[in-house]
Amino acid sequence: MKRTRNYITTLNHKSLIGIERLAAIRDGVNAVNRISEKKHYVKCQGRLGPNNPNAPKYQNRGWNSHSCIRLEDAAYVDVYIYERYQ
């Protein structure tokens, strides 16, 4: 599967380990932002995952129907770090 260079990881954002990993990533980005002129931000993109009961909400919405999954409905999240443009 092709990924962008901004992709960091996929994690379960509803588990304790996933919450801790996401917090560590955000803390790292905040630390870099304090010392760097270039600013970055963390983006979480929801993924349905297998057998997700929320999947019918996102079906039959066109060719790109699964591109914007609400985090509340997602089983997993893909974590990306992007440069913030001023």
PDB file of N, CA and C in Angstrom:
ATOM      1  N   MET A   1       0.847  -1.184   0.000  1.00  0.00           N
ATOM      2  CA  MET A   1       0.000   0.000   0.000  1.00  0.00           C
ATOM      3  C   MET A   1       0.888   1.241   0.000  1.00  0.00           C
ATOM      4  N   LYS A   2       0.614   2.162  -0.891  1.00  0.00           N
ATOM      5  CA  LYS A   2       1.374   3.400  -0.936  1.00  0.00           C
ATOM      6  C   LYS A   2       0.935   4.322   0.196  1.00  0.00           C
ATOM      7  N   ARG A   3       1.889   4.956   0.800  1.00  0.00           N
ATOM      8  CA  ARG A   3       1.617   5.929   1.853  1.00  0.00           C
ATOM      9  C   ARG A   3       2.387   7.209   1.544  1.00  0.00           C
ATOM     10  N   THR A   4       1.893   8.300   2.054  1.00  0.00           N
ATOM     11  CA  THR A   4       2.591   9.566   1.921  1.00  0.00           C
ATOM     12  C   THR A   4       3.763   9.598   2.903  1.00  0.00           C
ATOM     13  N   ARG A   5       4.728  10.451   2.652  1.00  0.00           N
ATOM     14  CA  ARG A   5       5.870  10.545   3.561  1.00  0.00           C
ATOM     15  C   ARG A   5       5.473  11.122   4.912  1.00  0.00           C
ATOM     16  N   ASN A   6       4.286  11.705   5.003  1.00  0.00           N
ATOM     17  CA  ASN A   6       3.810  12.277   6.254  1.00  0.00           C
ATOM     18  C   ASN A   6       3.186  11.240   7.181  1.00  0.00           C
ATOM     19  N   TYR A   7       2.944  10.032   6.672  1.00  0.00           N
ATOM     20  CA  TYR A   7       2.321   8.979   7.464  1.00  0.00           C
ATOM     21  C   TYR A   7       3.264   8.525   8.573  1.00  0.00           C
ATOM     22  N   ILE A   8       2.719   8.364   9.790  1.00  0.00           N
ATOM     23  CA  ILE A   8       3.517   7.914  10.929  1.00  0.00           C
ATOM     24  C   ILE A   8       3.136   6.484  11.327  1.00  0.00           C
ATOM     25  N   THR A   9       1.879   6.264  11.647  1.00  0.00           N
ATOM     26  CA  THR A   9       1.450   4.956  12.121  1.00  0.00           C
ATOM     27  C   THR A   9      -0.066   4.838  12.069  1.00  0.00           C
ATOM     28  N   THR A  10      -0.557   3.626  12.243  1.00  0.00           N
ATOM     29  CA  THR A  10      -1.973   3.366  12.445  1.00  0.00           C
ATOM     30  C   THR A  10      -2.122   2.811  13.845  1.00  0.00           C
ATOM     31  N   LEU A  11      -3.100   3.317  14.592  1.00  0.00           N
ATOM     32  CA  LEU A  11      -3.288   2.841  15.960  1.00  0.00           C
ATOM     33  C   LEU A  11      -4.756   2.820  16.342  1.00  0.00           C
ATOM     34  N   ASN A  12      -5.043   2.076  17.393  1.00  0.00           N
ATOM     35  CA  ASN A  12      -6.389   2.022  17.950  1.00  0.00           C
ATOM     36  C   ASN A  12      -6.500   3.169  18.949  1.00  0.00           C
ATOM     37  N   HIS A  13      -7.198   4.210  18.581  1.00  0.00           N
ATOM     38  CA  HIS A  13      -7.265   5.419  19.405  1.00  0.00           C
ATOM     39  C   HIS A  13      -8.214   5.290  20.588  1.00  0.00           C
ATOM     40  N   LYS A  14      -8.855   4.130  20.731  1.00  0.00           N
ATOM     41  CA  LYS A  14      -9.767   3.918  21.856  1.00  0.00           C
ATOM     42  C   LYS A  14      -9.151   3.024  22.927  1.00  0.00           C
ATOM     43  N   SER A  15      -7.940   2.525  22.684  1.00  0.00           N
ATOM     44  CA  SER A  15      -7.260   1.695  23.679  1.00  0.00           C
ATOM     45  C   SER A  15      -6.275   2.556  24.468  1.00  0.00           C
ATOM     46  N   LEU A  16      -5.907   2.095  25.642  1.00  0.00           N
ATOM     47  CA  LEU A  16      -4.990   2.844  26.489  1.00  0.00           C
ATOM     48  C   LEU A  16      -3.627   3.009  25.819  1.00  0.00           C
ATOM     49  N   ILE A  17      -3.141   1.949  25.186  1.00  0.00           N
ATOM     50  CA  ILE A  17      -1.840   2.029  24.508  1.00  0.00           C
ATOM     51  C   ILE A  17      -1.903   3.012  23.352  1.00  0.00           C
ATOM     52  N   GLY A  18      -2.994   2.983  22.583  1.00  0.00           N
ATOM     53  CA  GLY A  18      -3.148   3.909  21.468  1.00  0.00           C
ATOM     54  C   GLY A  18      -3.221   5.355  21.921  1.00  0.00           C
ATOM     55  N   ILE A  19      -3.939   5.595  23.009  1.00  0.00           N
ATOM     56  CA  ILE A  19      -4.042   6.956  23.562  1.00  0.00           C
ATOM     57  C   ILE A  19      -2.670   7.447  24.006  1.00  0.00           C
ATOM     58  N   GLU A  20      -1.904   6.574  24.667  1.00  0.00           N
ATOM     59  CA  GLU A  20      -0.571   6.962  25.132  1.00  0.00           C
ATOM     60  C   GLU A  20       0.375   7.224  23.964  1.00  0.00           C
ATOM     61  N   ARG A  21       0.311   6.383  22.925  1.00  0.00           N
ATOM     62  CA  ARG A  21       1.175   6.596  21.755  1.00  0.00           C
ATOM     63  C   ARG A  21       0.828   7.884  21.039  1.00  0.00           C
ATOM     64  N   LEU A  22      -0.461   8.176  20.892  1.00  0.00           N
ATOM     65  CA  LEU A  22      -0.875   9.414  20.240  1.00  0.00           C
ATOM     66  C   LEU A  22      -0.433  10.626  21.060  1.00  0.00           C
ATOM     67  N   ALA A  23      -0.554  10.545  22.379  1.00  0.00           N
ATOM     68  CA  ALA A  23      -0.102  11.645  23.245  1.00  0.00           C
ATOM     69  C   ALA A  23       1.409  11.848  23.119  1.00  0.00           C
ATOM     70  N   ALA A  24       2.164  10.756  23.012  1.00  0.00           N
ATOM     71  CA  ALA A  24       3.615  10.872  22.867  1.00  0.00           C
ATOM     72  C   ALA A  24       3.974  11.528  21.532  1.00  0.00           C
ATOM     73  N   ILE A  25       3.266  11.173  20.478  1.00  0.00           N
ATOM     74  CA  ILE A  25       3.514  11.788  19.168  1.00  0.00           C
ATOM     75  C   ILE A  25       3.208  13.279  19.229  1.00  0.00           C
ATOM     76  N   ARG A  26       2.069  13.630  19.833  1.00  0.00           N
ATOM     77  CA  ARG A  26       1.705  15.051  19.945  1.00  0.00           C
ATOM     78  C   ARG A  26       2.714  15.817  20.801  1.00  0.00           C
ATOM     79  N   ASP A  27       3.182  15.214  21.895  1.00  0.00           N
ATOM     80  CA  ASP A  27       4.191  15.862  22.738  1.00  0.00           C
ATOM     81  C   ASP A  27       5.488  16.081  21.966  1.00  0.00           C
ATOM     82  N   GLY A  28       5.870  15.097  21.153  1.00  0.00           N
ATOM     83  CA  GLY A  28       7.077  15.244  20.344  1.00  0.00           C
ATOM     84  C   GLY A  28       6.961  16.370  19.333  1.00  0.00           C
ATOM     85  N   VAL A  29       5.812  16.477  18.692  1.00  0.00           N
ATOM     86  CA  VAL A  29       5.595  17.562  17.721  1.00  0.00           C
ATOM     87  C   VAL A  29       5.605  18.910  18.440  1.00  0.00           C
ATOM     88  N   ASN A  30       5.003  18.984  19.618  1.00  0.00           N
ATOM     89  CA  ASN A  30       5.020  20.237  20.382  1.00  0.00           C
ATOM     90  C   ASN A  30       6.443  20.624  20.771  1.00  0.00           C
ATOM     91  N   ALA A  31       7.268  19.648  21.141  1.00  0.00           N
ATOM     92  CA  ALA A  31       8.653  19.939  21.506  1.00  0.00           C
ATOM     93  C   ALA A  31       9.437  20.461  20.307  1.00  0.00           C
ATOM     94  N   VAL A  32       9.228  19.849  19.155  1.00  0.00           N
ATOM     95  CA  VAL A  32       9.911  20.317  17.934  1.00  0.00           C
ATOM     96  C   VAL A  32       9.435  21.717  17.571  1.00  0.00           C
ATOM     97  N   ASN A  33       8.144  21.982  17.723  1.00  0.00           N
ATOM     98  CA  ASN A  33       7.605  23.306  17.384  1.00  0.00           C
ATOM     99  C   ASN A  33       8.188  24.404  18.268  1.00  0.00           C
ATOM    100  N   ARG A  34       8.550  24.069  19.502  1.00  0.00           N
ATOM    101  CA  ARG A  34       9.121  25.083  20.395  1.00  0.00           C
ATOM    102  C   ARG A  34      10.501  25.549  19.943  1.00  0.00           C
ATOM    103  N   ILE A  35      11.258  24.663  19.283  1.00  0.00           N
ATOM    104  CA  ILE A  35      12.644  25.017  18.938  1.00  0.00           C
ATOM    105  C   ILE A  35      12.854  25.250  17.446  1.00  0.00           C
ATOM    106  N   SER A  36      11.845  25.015  16.641  1.00  0.00           N
ATOM    107  CA  SER A  36      11.994  25.120  15.195  1.00  0.00           C
ATOM    108  C   SER A  36      11.177  26.287  14.646  1.00  0.00           C
ATOM    109  N   GLU A  37      11.667  26.852  13.552  1.00  0.00           N
ATOM    110  CA  GLU A  37      10.887  27.896  12.895  1.00  0.00           C
ATOM    111  C   GLU A  37       9.732  27.295  12.110  1.00  0.00           C
ATOM    112  N   LYS A  38       9.948  26.107  11.544  1.00  0.00           N
ATOM    113  CA  LYS A  38       8.870  25.406  10.847  1.00  0.00           C
ATOM    114  C   LYS A  38       7.959  24.758  11.875  1.00  0.00           C
ATOM    115  N   LYS A  39       6.686  25.004  11.756  1.00  0.00           N
ATOM    116  CA  LYS A  39       5.710  24.441  12.676  1.00  0.00           C
ATOM    117  C   LYS A  39       4.994  23.263  12.034  1.00  0.00           C
ATOM    118  N   HIS A  40       4.655  22.266  12.829  1.00  0.00           N
ATOM    119  CA  HIS A  40       4.001  21.057  12.353  1.00  0.00           C
ATOM    120  C   HIS A  40       2.755  20.788  13.179  1.00  0.00           C
ATOM    121  N   TYR A  41       1.891  19.919  12.644  1.00  0.00           N
ATOM    122  CA  TYR A  41       0.704  19.508  13.393  1.00  0.00           C
ATOM    123  C   TYR A  41       0.399  18.047  13.121  1.00  0.00           C
ATOM    124  N   VAL A  42      -0.328  17.437  14.041  1.00  0.00           N
ATOM    125  CA  VAL A  42      -0.700  16.031  13.939  1.00  0.00           C
ATOM    126  C   VAL A  42      -2.125  15.949  13.421  1.00  0.00           C
ATOM    127  N   LYS A  43      -2.346  15.104  12.408  1.00  0.00           N
ATOM    128  CA  LYS A  43      -3.686  14.879  11.875  1.00  0.00           C
ATOM    129  C   LYS A  43      -4.026  13.409  12.043  1.00  0.00           C
ATOM    130  N   CYS A  44      -5.221  13.128  12.554  1.00  0.00           N
ATOM    131  CA  CYS A  44      -5.713  11.766  12.698  1.00  0.00           C
ATOM    132  C   CYS A  44      -6.832  11.549  11.686  1.00  0.00           C
ATOM    133  N   GLN A  45      -6.659  10.557  10.825  1.00  0.00           N
ATOM    134  CA  GLN A  45      -7.648  10.213   9.815  1.00  0.00           C
ATOM    135  C   GLN A  45      -8.290   8.895  10.206  1.00  0.00           C
ATOM    136  N   GLY A  46      -9.608   8.893  10.411  1.00  0.00           N
ATOM    137  CA  GLY A  46     -10.319   7.701  10.847  1.00  0.00           C
ATOM    138  C   GLY A  46     -10.344   6.598   9.810  1.00  0.00           C
ATOM    139  N   ARG A  47     -10.287   5.348  10.285  1.00  0.00           N
ATOM    140  CA  ARG A  47     -10.399   4.149   9.449  1.00  0.00           C
ATOM    141  C   ARG A  47     -11.438   3.232  10.078  1.00  0.00           C
ATOM    142  N   LEU A  48     -12.288   2.645   9.255  1.00  0.00           N
ATOM    143  CA  LEU A  48     -13.362   1.809   9.778  1.00  0.00           C
ATOM    144  C   LEU A  48     -12.864   0.502  10.375  1.00  0.00           C
ATOM    145  N   GLY A  49     -11.973  -0.182   9.718  1.00  0.00           N
ATOM    146  CA  GLY A  49     -11.522  -1.476  10.194  1.00  0.00           C
ATOM    147  C   GLY A  49     -12.532  -2.561   9.851  1.00  0.00           C
ATOM    148  N   PRO A  50     -12.158  -3.825  10.076  1.00  0.00           N
ATOM    149  CA  PRO A  50     -13.047  -4.926   9.715  1.00  0.00           C
ATOM    150  C   PRO A  50     -14.234  -5.042  10.673  1.00  0.00           C
ATOM    151  N   ASN A  51     -15.374  -5.419  10.135  1.00  0.00           N
ATOM    152  CA  ASN A  51     -16.592  -5.676  10.927  1.00  0.00           C
ATOM    153  C   ASN A  51     -17.029  -4.502  11.792  1.00  0.00           C
ATOM    154  N   ASN A  52     -16.802  -3.290  11.325  1.00  0.00           N
ATOM    155  CA  ASN A  52     -17.206  -2.109  12.079  1.00  0.00           C
ATOM    156  C   ASN A  52     -18.713  -1.892  11.908  1.00  0.00           C
ATOM    157  N   PRO A  53     -19.469  -1.781  13.006  1.00  0.00           N
ATOM    158  CA  PRO A  53     -20.915  -1.591  12.880  1.00  0.00           C
ATOM    159  C   PRO A  53     -21.307  -0.239  12.278  1.00  0.00           C
ATOM    160  N   ASN A  54     -20.378   0.694  12.204  1.00  0.00           N
ATOM    161  CA  ASN A  54     -20.659   2.012  11.637  1.00  0.00           C
ATOM    162  C   ASN A  54     -20.438   2.067  10.131  1.00  0.00           C
ATOM    163  N   ALA A  55     -19.984   0.985   9.534  1.00  0.00           N
ATOM    164  CA  ALA A  55     -19.670   0.965   8.097  1.00  0.00           C
ATOM    165  C   ALA A  55     -20.857   1.342   7.211  1.00  0.00           C
ATOM    166  N   PRO A  56     -22.098   0.910   7.508  1.00  0.00           N
ATOM    167  CA  PRO A  56     -23.206   1.288   6.620  1.00  0.00           C
ATOM    168  C   PRO A  56     -23.418   2.801   6.482  1.00  0.00           C
ATOM    169  N   LYS A  57     -22.996   3.584   7.454  1.00  0.00           N
ATOM    170  CA  LYS A  57     -23.115   5.049   7.364  1.00  0.00           C
ATOM    171  C   LYS A  57     -22.294   5.604   6.203  1.00  0.00           C
ATOM    172  N   TYR A  58     -21.214   4.905   5.840  1.00  0.00           N
ATOM    173  CA  TYR A  58     -20.265   5.436   4.872  1.00  0.00           C
ATOM    174  C   TYR A  58     -20.320   4.725   3.526  1.00  0.00           C
ATOM    175  N   GLN A  59     -21.210   3.771   3.358  1.00  0.00           N
ATOM    176  CA  GLN A  59     -21.327   3.060   2.089  1.00  0.00           C
ATOM    177  C   GLN A  59     -22.305   3.792   1.179  1.00  0.00           C
ATOM    178  N   ASN A  60     -22.128   3.585  -0.116  1.00  0.00           N
ATOM    179  CA  ASN A  60     -23.001   4.164  -1.139  1.00  0.00           C
ATOM    180  C   ASN A  60     -23.006   5.690  -1.130  1.00  0.00           C
ATOM    181  N   ARG A  61     -21.851   6.284  -0.865  1.00  0.00           N
ATOM    182  CA  ARG A  61     -21.741   7.743  -0.883  1.00  0.00           C
ATOM    183  C   ARG A  61     -20.801   8.199  -1.987  1.00  0.00           C
ATOM    184  N   GLY A  62     -20.621   7.389  -3.010  1.00  0.00           N
ATOM    185  CA  GLY A  62     -19.756   7.776  -4.112  1.00  0.00           C
ATOM    186  C   GLY A  62     -18.437   7.042  -4.084  1.00  0.00           C
ATOM    187  N   TRP A  63     -17.571   7.380  -5.033  1.00  0.00           N
ATOM    188  CA  TRP A  63     -16.301   6.674  -5.186  1.00  0.00           C
ATOM    189  C   TRP A  63     -15.356   6.911  -4.022  1.00  0.00           C
ATOM    190  N   ASN A  64     -15.477   8.016  -3.321  1.00  0.00           N
ATOM    191  CA  ASN A  64     -14.558   8.383  -2.245  1.00  0.00           C
ATOM    192  C   ASN A  64     -15.267   8.341  -0.894  1.00  0.00           C
ATOM    193  N   SER A  65     -16.172   7.397  -0.721  1.00  0.00           N
ATOM    194  CA  SER A  65     -17.054   7.412   0.442  1.00  0.00           C
ATOM    195  C   SER A  65     -16.352   7.115   1.759  1.00  0.00           C
ATOM    196  N   HIS A  66     -15.228   6.442   1.725  1.00  0.00           N
ATOM    197  CA  HIS A  66     -14.550   6.081   2.968  1.00  0.00           C
ATOM    198  C   HIS A  66     -13.366   6.997   3.283  1.00  0.00           C
ATOM    199  N   SER A  67     -13.294   8.135   2.651  1.00  0.00           N
ATOM    200  CA  SER A  67     -12.138   8.994   2.865  1.00  0.00           C
ATOM    201  C   SER A  67     -12.250   9.863   4.120  1.00  0.00           C
ATOM    202  N   CYS A  68     -13.444  10.176   4.557  1.00  0.00           N
ATOM    203  CA  CYS A  68     -13.626  11.035   5.729  1.00  0.00           C
ATOM    204  C   CYS A  68     -14.483  10.313   6.763  1.00  0.00           C
ATOM    205  N   ILE A  69     -13.837   9.543   7.617  1.00  0.00           N
ATOM    206  CA  ILE A  69     -14.512   8.786   8.655  1.00  0.00           C
ATOM    207  C   ILE A  69     -14.384   9.563   9.965  1.00  0.00           C
ATOM    208  N   ARG A  70     -15.510   9.823  10.612  1.00  0.00           N
ATOM    209  CA  ARG A  70     -15.470  10.517  11.905  1.00  0.00           C
ATOM    210  C   ARG A  70     -14.706   9.667  12.910  1.00  0.00           C
ATOM    211  N   LEU A  71     -13.932  10.310  13.778  1.00  0.00           N
ATOM    212  CA  LEU A  71     -13.145   9.564  14.756  1.00  0.00           C
ATOM    213  C   LEU A  71     -14.028   8.774  15.713  1.00  0.00           C
ATOM    214  N   GLU A  72     -15.241   9.264  15.968  1.00  0.00           N
ATOM    215  CA  GLU A  72     -16.159   8.555  16.855  1.00  0.00           C
ATOM    216  C   GLU A  72     -16.600   7.225  16.238  1.00  0.00           C
ATOM    217  N   ASP A  73     -16.659   7.166  14.904  1.00  0.00           N
ATOM    218  CA  ASP A  73     -17.096   5.966  14.199  1.00  0.00           C
ATOM    219  C   ASP A  73     -15.941   5.046  13.833  1.00  0.00           C
ATOM    220  N   ALA A  74     -14.733   5.536  13.907  1.00  0.00           N
ATOM    221  CA  ALA A  74     -13.566   4.791  13.434  1.00  0.00           C
ATOM    222  C   ALA A  74     -13.090   3.774  14.468  1.00  0.00           C
ATOM    223  N   ALA A  75     -12.621   2.639  13.982  1.00  0.00           N
ATOM    224  CA  ALA A  75     -11.988   1.641  14.840  1.00  0.00           C
ATOM    225  C   ALA A  75     -10.505   1.963  15.016  1.00  0.00           C
ATOM    226  N   TYR A  76      -9.894   2.543  13.981  1.00  0.00           N
ATOM    227  CA  TYR A  76      -8.475   2.876  13.991  1.00  0.00           C
ATOM    228  C   TYR A  76      -8.288   4.271  13.418  1.00  0.00           C
ATOM    229  N   VAL A  77      -7.115   4.835  13.682  1.00  0.00           N
ATOM    230  CA  VAL A  77      -6.761   6.106  13.050  1.00  0.00           C
ATOM    231  C   VAL A  77      -5.381   5.988  12.431  1.00  0.00           C
ATOM    232  N   ASP A  78      -5.226   6.613  11.271  1.00  0.00           N
ATOM    233  CA  ASP A  78      -3.914   6.800  10.665  1.00  0.00           C
ATOM    234  C   ASP A  78      -3.418   8.152  11.161  1.00  0.00           C
ATOM    235  N   VAL A  79      -2.178   8.186  11.626  1.00  0.00           N
ATOM    236  CA  VAL A  79      -1.598   9.406  12.174  1.00  0.00           C
ATOM    237  C   VAL A  79      -0.611   9.973  11.163  1.00  0.00           C
ATOM    238  N   TYR A  80      -0.768  11.255  10.873  1.00  0.00           N
ATOM    239  CA  TYR A  80       0.093  11.970   9.934  1.00  0.00           C
ATOM    240  C   TYR A  80       0.646  13.211  10.630  1.00  0.00           C
ATOM    241  N   ILE A  81       1.846  13.623  10.228  1.00  0.00           N
ATOM    242  CA  ILE A  81       2.412  14.896  10.684  1.00  0.00           C
ATOM    243  C   ILE A  81       2.633  15.761   9.451  1.00  0.00           C
ATOM    244  N   TYR A  82       2.031  16.938   9.473  1.00  0.00           N
ATOM    245  CA  TYR A  82       2.109  17.881   8.351  1.00  0.00           C
ATOM    246  C   TYR A  82       2.772  19.170   8.807  1.00  0.00           C
ATOM    247  N   GLU A  83       3.394  19.846   7.835  1.00  0.00           N
ATOM    248  CA  GLU A  83       3.957  21.163   8.112  1.00  0.00           C
ATOM    249  C   GLU A  83       2.827  22.201   8.053  1.00  0.00           C
ATOM    250  N   ARG A  84       2.801  23.058   9.058  1.00  0.00           N
ATOM    251  CA  ARG A  84       1.797  24.120   9.101  1.00  0.00           C
ATOM    252  C   ARG A  84       2.331  25.300   8.304  1.00  0.00           C
ATOM    253  N   TYR A  85       1.526  25.766   7.378  1.00  0.00           N
ATOM    254  CA  TYR A  85       1.912  26.912   6.552  1.00  0.00           C
ATOM    255  C   TYR A  85       1.379  28.184   7.178  1.00  0.00           C
ATOM    256  N   GLN A  86       2.249  29.159   7.270  1.00  0.00           N
ATOM    257  CA  GLN A  86       1.926  30.421   7.947  1.00  0.00           C
ATOM    258  C   GLN A  86       1.265  31.391   6.994  1.00  0.00           C
TER     259      GLN A  86
END
